[in-house]
Protein backbone atom coordinates (compact mmCIF):
# COMPACT_ATOMS: atom_id res chain seq x y z
CA MET A 1 133.62 190.51 56.42
CA ALA A 2 130.25 189.16 56.23
CA SER A 3 131.54 185.74 57.12
CA VAL A 4 133.13 187.24 60.02
CA THR A 5 130.11 188.96 61.24
CA MET A 6 128.16 185.56 60.89
CA ARG A 7 130.43 183.76 62.97
CA SER A 8 130.96 186.15 65.74
CA ALA A 9 126.97 185.92 65.96
CA LYS A 10 127.33 182.15 66.15
CA ALA A 11 129.39 182.50 68.98
CA GLU A 12 127.40 184.76 71.11
CA GLN A 13 124.63 182.46 70.68
CA PRO A 14 123.61 180.98 74.11
CA ARG A 15 124.94 177.38 74.69
CA TRP A 16 121.48 175.96 75.22
CA ARG A 17 120.61 177.14 71.44
CA THR A 18 123.70 175.77 70.02
CA THR A 19 123.10 172.03 71.83
CA LEU A 20 119.34 172.56 70.36
CA GLN A 21 120.53 173.09 66.94
CA ARG A 22 122.95 170.26 67.04
CA VAL A 23 120.15 168.03 68.16
CA ARG A 24 117.68 169.26 65.37
CA LYS A 25 120.43 168.32 63.05
CA TYR A 26 121.45 164.92 64.22
CA TRP A 27 117.92 163.83 65.70
CA TYR A 28 118.20 160.57 63.96
CA CYS A 29 121.74 159.57 66.04
CA TYR A 30 119.71 160.48 69.59
CA LEU A 31 116.48 158.51 68.38
CA MET A 32 118.81 155.59 68.16
CA MET A 33 120.25 156.05 71.49
CA LEU A 34 117.07 156.31 73.18
CA GLY A 35 116.80 152.55 73.74
CA THR A 36 120.09 152.54 75.30
CA PHE A 37 119.12 155.15 77.44
CA ALA A 38 115.94 153.60 78.47
CA LEU A 39 117.76 150.52 79.55
CA LEU A 40 120.12 152.10 81.92
CA ILE A 41 117.45 154.52 83.89
CA THR A 42 115.90 151.29 84.24
CA PHE A 43 118.08 148.73 85.22
CA SER A 44 120.85 151.05 86.65
CA TYR A 45 119.73 154.26 87.68
CA TYR A 46 116.28 153.49 89.20
CA PRO A 47 117.65 150.62 91.13
CA ALA A 48 119.96 152.88 92.53
CA ALA A 49 117.96 155.60 93.56
CA SER A 50 115.49 153.16 94.74
CA ALA A 51 117.98 152.10 97.11
CA ILE A 52 118.90 155.35 98.41
CA LEU A 53 115.17 155.99 99.28
CA HIS A 54 114.61 152.81 100.83
CA SER A 55 117.67 152.66 103.11
CA PHE A 56 115.49 155.09 105.18
CA THR A 57 112.57 152.42 105.50
CA ILE A 58 111.24 149.33 106.70
CA TRP A 59 110.64 147.57 103.47
CA ASP A 60 110.26 143.90 102.50
CA GLY A 61 110.17 144.15 98.88
CA PHE A 62 106.03 143.73 98.67
CA ARG A 63 104.13 145.73 101.11
CA PRO A 64 104.27 149.59 101.27
CA ALA A 65 107.58 150.82 102.88
CA GLN A 66 107.50 152.48 105.87
CA TRP A 67 109.62 155.42 106.72
CA ILE A 68 112.05 155.42 109.64
CA GLY A 69 114.80 157.77 108.93
CA LEU A 70 118.21 157.06 109.88
CA GLY A 71 117.14 153.62 112.07
CA ASN A 72 118.60 151.04 109.61
CA TYR A 73 122.03 153.14 109.49
CA GLN A 74 121.96 153.23 113.44
CA GLU A 75 120.87 149.38 113.62
CA LEU A 76 124.02 148.77 111.15
CA PHE A 77 126.75 150.68 113.30
CA SER A 78 125.37 149.13 116.70
CA SER A 79 125.74 145.53 114.95
CA ASP A 80 128.31 143.44 116.27
CA VAL A 81 128.36 141.21 113.30
CA ILE A 82 129.17 144.20 111.01
CA MET A 83 131.25 146.24 112.74
CA LYS A 84 133.29 143.61 114.42
CA HIS A 85 133.56 140.79 111.71
CA ALA A 86 132.05 142.15 108.73
CA PHE A 87 134.05 145.41 107.99
CA PRO A 88 137.25 144.14 109.27
CA ASN A 89 137.14 140.92 107.03
CA MET A 90 135.95 143.18 104.34
CA ALA A 91 139.33 145.67 105.17
CA LEU A 92 141.77 142.43 105.01
CA LEU A 93 140.16 141.07 101.89
CA VAL A 94 140.49 144.44 99.77
CA MET A 95 144.14 144.53 100.91
CA TRP A 96 144.84 141.02 99.58
CA GLN A 97 143.20 141.29 96.70
CA VAL A 98 144.89 144.56 95.57
CA VAL A 99 148.01 143.16 96.51
CA ARG A 100 147.39 139.89 94.40
CA ALA A 101 145.56 141.53 91.42
CA ALA A 102 148.81 144.15 91.19
CA VAL A 103 151.87 141.96 91.62
CA PHE A 104 151.25 138.27 90.63
CA PRO A 105 149.91 138.96 87.39
CA LEU A 106 152.35 141.69 86.73
CA LEU A 107 155.27 139.61 87.44
CA GLY A 108 153.69 136.90 84.97
CA ALA A 109 153.36 139.48 82.18
CA ALA A 110 156.93 140.74 83.03
CA LEU A 111 158.34 137.34 82.53
CA ILE A 112 156.58 136.48 79.33
CA TYR A 113 157.62 140.19 78.13
CA ARG A 114 161.30 139.08 78.61
CA LEU A 115 161.03 135.89 76.49
CA ARG A 116 163.02 135.90 73.49
CA ASN A 117 161.22 132.92 72.05
CA GLU A 118 158.19 134.08 70.54
CA ARG A 119 156.33 130.75 70.24
CA LEU A 120 157.29 130.06 73.81
CA ALA A 121 155.88 133.21 75.08
CA TYR A 122 152.53 132.42 73.04
CA ILE A 123 152.55 129.14 74.67
CA TYR A 124 152.80 130.73 78.17
CA ARG A 125 150.41 133.40 77.75
CA LEU A 126 148.02 130.53 76.27
CA VAL A 127 148.22 128.70 79.68
CA PHE A 128 147.55 131.50 81.80
CA VAL A 129 144.58 132.94 79.74
CA LEU A 130 142.93 129.32 79.12
CA PRO A 131 141.49 129.22 82.86
CA ILE A 132 139.23 132.47 82.03
CA VAL A 133 136.91 130.08 80.21
CA VAL A 134 136.44 128.11 83.23
CA PRO A 135 133.48 129.59 85.49
CA ALA A 136 134.65 131.13 88.74
CA THR A 137 131.91 129.15 90.59
CA VAL A 138 133.60 126.05 89.57
CA THR A 139 137.01 127.13 90.64
CA ILE A 140 135.94 127.91 93.73
CA LEU A 141 133.68 124.58 94.27
CA VAL A 142 137.17 122.86 93.48
CA TRP A 143 139.25 124.99 96.08
CA ARG A 144 136.24 123.85 98.59
CA GLN A 145 137.16 120.07 97.80
CA PHE A 146 140.60 120.82 98.46
CA PHE A 147 139.98 121.95 101.98
CA ASP A 148 137.42 118.94 102.65
CA PRO A 149 138.46 117.84 106.38
CA ASN A 150 138.48 114.17 105.36
CA VAL A 151 139.64 113.84 101.79
CA GLY A 152 140.85 117.28 100.82
CA LEU A 153 143.95 117.54 99.00
CA MET A 154 145.67 120.11 101.98
CA ASN A 155 144.89 117.19 104.71
CA GLU A 156 146.60 114.82 102.39
CA VAL A 157 149.67 116.66 102.18
CA LEU A 158 149.56 117.07 105.76
CA ARG A 159 149.21 113.21 106.43
CA LEU A 160 151.80 112.83 104.09
CA VAL A 161 154.54 114.64 105.99
CA GLY A 162 153.23 113.25 109.42
CA LEU A 163 151.06 116.02 110.34
CA ALA A 164 147.59 116.22 111.88
CA PRO A 165 144.95 117.22 109.51
CA ALA A 166 143.02 120.78 110.32
CA ALA A 167 139.60 122.08 109.86
CA TRP A 168 140.43 124.59 107.42
CA LEU A 169 137.05 126.24 106.73
CA ASN A 170 135.51 125.34 110.38
CA ASN A 171 137.94 126.90 112.39
CA VAL A 172 137.53 130.58 113.20
CA SER A 173 141.53 131.18 112.73
CA SER A 174 142.16 129.49 109.61
CA ALA A 175 138.95 129.90 107.65
CA LEU A 176 139.51 133.67 106.30
CA PRO A 177 143.10 132.69 105.57
CA SER A 178 142.17 129.70 103.53
CA LEU A 179 139.71 131.48 101.52
CA MET A 180 142.49 134.08 100.79
CA VAL A 181 144.42 130.90 99.20
CA ILE A 182 142.02 130.39 96.66
CA GLY A 183 143.21 130.98 93.13
CA PHE A 184 146.86 130.14 93.86
CA PRO A 185 149.06 130.90 92.07
CA TRP A 186 146.96 134.18 91.66
CA ILE A 187 147.84 135.22 88.28
CA ASP A 188 144.36 136.37 86.53
CA GLY A 189 144.42 135.78 82.74
CA VAL A 190 142.65 139.39 81.94
CA GLY A 191 144.95 141.14 84.37
CA MET A 192 147.83 139.73 82.99
CA LEU A 193 146.94 140.57 79.35
CA ILE A 194 146.18 144.05 80.62
CA TYR A 195 149.70 144.25 81.87
CA LEU A 196 151.14 142.33 79.05
CA ALA A 197 149.54 145.00 76.47
CA GLY A 198 151.00 147.92 78.54
CA LEU A 199 154.74 146.36 78.49
CA LEU A 200 154.43 145.45 74.75
CA ALA A 201 153.63 149.05 74.17
CA ILE A 202 156.84 150.35 75.56
CA PRO A 203 159.24 151.51 72.69
CA VAL A 204 161.82 149.06 72.29
CA GLU A 205 164.20 151.93 71.73
CA ILE A 206 164.11 152.49 75.25
CA ASN A 207 164.94 148.89 76.57
CA GLU A 208 167.65 149.09 74.20
CA ALA A 209 169.13 152.33 75.31
CA ALA A 210 169.24 150.63 78.78
CA ILE A 211 170.81 147.69 78.07
CA MET A 212 173.71 149.63 76.27
CA ASP A 213 173.78 151.68 79.31
CA GLY A 214 174.26 148.35 81.40
CA ALA A 215 171.15 148.32 83.21
CA SER A 216 170.16 144.65 84.96
CA SER A 217 166.51 143.17 84.49
CA LEU A 218 165.68 144.37 87.77
CA ARG A 219 166.83 147.92 87.34
CA ARG A 220 164.97 148.09 83.70
CA PHE A 221 162.08 146.55 85.43
CA PHE A 222 161.76 149.20 88.28
CA SER A 223 163.09 151.97 86.56
CA ILE A 224 161.50 151.85 83.13
CA GLU A 225 158.83 149.04 82.90
CA LEU A 226 156.89 149.63 85.95
CA PRO A 227 156.36 153.54 85.58
CA LEU A 228 155.26 153.08 82.01
CA VAL A 229 152.44 150.70 83.24
CA ILE A 230 151.20 152.62 86.13
CA PRO A 231 148.00 153.51 83.92
CA GLN A 232 147.54 149.72 83.85
CA VAL A 233 148.26 149.27 87.46
CA ARG A 234 145.46 152.07 88.21
CA LEU A 235 142.97 150.44 86.33
CA ILE A 236 143.65 146.79 88.03
CA VAL A 237 143.67 148.11 91.42
CA ILE A 238 140.16 150.46 90.98
CA LEU A 239 138.73 147.38 89.41
CA ASN A 240 139.89 144.99 92.06
CA VAL A 241 139.06 147.45 95.02
CA ILE A 242 135.39 147.71 93.73
CA GLY A 243 135.15 144.11 93.46
CA ALA A 244 136.36 142.91 96.53
CA LEU A 245 134.08 145.36 98.20
CA GLN A 246 130.97 144.04 96.51
CA GLY A 247 131.65 140.33 96.26
CA PHE A 248 130.88 137.56 98.47
CA GLY A 249 130.98 134.57 96.10
CA TRP A 250 133.74 132.86 98.86
CA GLN A 251 131.31 133.31 101.26
CA LEU A 252 127.93 132.18 99.36
CA LEU A 253 129.65 129.03 98.15
CA VAL A 254 132.32 127.81 100.50
CA THR A 255 131.69 129.11 104.16
CA ARG A 256 128.34 131.08 104.31
CA GLY A 257 130.00 133.66 106.26
CA GLY A 258 131.25 131.26 109.10
CA PRO A 259 132.23 129.90 111.65
CA ASN A 260 130.91 132.36 113.92
CA SER A 261 130.94 135.32 111.26
CA ALA A 262 134.70 134.86 110.56
CA THR A 263 134.60 135.18 107.14
CA THR A 264 131.45 137.45 106.71
CA VAL A 265 131.80 140.54 105.05
CA PRO A 266 129.35 143.43 104.56
CA ALA A 267 128.11 142.43 101.18
CA TRP A 268 127.29 138.83 102.49
CA GLU A 269 125.08 140.57 105.41
CA MET A 270 123.26 142.61 102.59
CA TYR A 271 122.46 139.68 100.63
CA GLN A 272 121.58 137.88 103.73
CA SER A 273 119.14 140.72 105.13
CA ALA A 274 117.29 141.11 101.54
CA MET A 275 116.97 137.46 100.09
CA VAL A 276 116.77 135.35 103.55
CA GLY A 277 115.48 137.84 105.98
CA GLY A 278 113.30 139.73 103.47
CA ARG A 279 114.72 143.19 104.97
CA PHE A 280 115.38 144.99 101.93
CA GLY A 281 115.28 148.50 104.15
CA TYR A 282 118.12 147.73 106.01
CA ALA A 283 120.13 145.66 102.99
CA SER A 284 119.73 148.69 101.35
CA ALA A 285 121.50 150.75 103.85
CA ILE A 286 124.21 148.37 103.83
CA GLY A 287 124.80 149.15 99.87
CA MET A 288 124.65 152.58 100.45
CA ILE A 289 127.48 152.59 102.67
CA LEU A 290 129.39 150.04 100.62
CA PHE A 291 129.08 152.61 97.50
CA ILE A 292 129.97 155.68 99.78
CA VAL A 293 133.56 153.34 100.92
CA ILE A 294 133.98 152.50 97.11
CA PHE A 295 133.69 155.87 96.11
CA ILE A 296 135.96 157.40 98.74
CA LEU A 297 138.50 154.68 98.10
CA THR A 298 138.28 155.23 94.22
CA LEU A 299 138.94 158.83 94.93
CA ILE A 300 142.22 158.27 96.85
CA ASN A 301 143.48 155.86 94.59
CA ASN A 302 143.15 158.31 91.68
CA ALA A 303 144.62 161.26 93.73
CA SER A 304 147.67 159.21 95.01
CA ILE A 305 148.67 157.71 91.55
CA ARG A 306 148.17 160.84 89.86
CA SER A 307 150.32 162.74 92.21
CA SER A 308 153.05 159.90 91.99
CA VAL A 309 153.09 160.20 88.38
CA GLU A 310 153.23 163.91 88.26
CA TYR A 311 155.94 163.73 90.86
CA GLN A 312 157.91 161.32 88.63
CA ALA A 313 157.39 163.67 85.76
CA GLY A 314 158.61 166.55 87.82
CA GLY A 315 161.59 164.86 88.79
């Protein structure tokens, strides 16, 4: 009876007191985490808070900031470069990045998953994973040489078939599609491993039952394997949306946003404004818009995938 009374008394304690008692009991654990929290606050949360504050100011990174309210945002949305070029280019690149990251690595993983020879499957997996050790910068620079108007591989192929060489990266109409070709055949090693891990986690009995029922390979892929790797698809989509919105590596190393802003994106304009123009306040405003776009798209992606999974489960 006494033990029951003590349990009820503990249950009636305020939550803050229960938390305080837990902290006192395991104080050494929280002490060891202080270093991690300090680094997070210093290098993650403080810069984000600083960007929010300075997006409403004129600031060059050195002298005291001058408050201008929504001036940076008004300039941003009235800029022809940002609104007519950067955001449309970003939308196109995001859609392409999602397609190439969600489709091609999945196809590669599905083909390896179907191989019956384990040694051959290991070799193919190794072939797709080895490029991970090559820095992305090196890959981009190699592709830039492919597009060289004089000795590039692309123009050499055109000459072999009797066609005139093209200025791939110097033409407004072909510059952005040329950037999208970079990385062919677009099978990212990390994404392929994530998909392959999801496929290997599918119980063997499910596929065996489908084979006994006469299901073809395509039917098994679309009816069994693809629905069961939806969590991996969601992860890949979210990561690539965020990466595509924030990235400007192609612009930095290949086109510098040109020609005539044909390949520029908001992240590149943010970099240019801060590091070249010294306009950290305006760059912070661009960063805030990117944060809002990333946050909204992530919510939409999570909601749409969750609803589709619930529909399939209910059906």
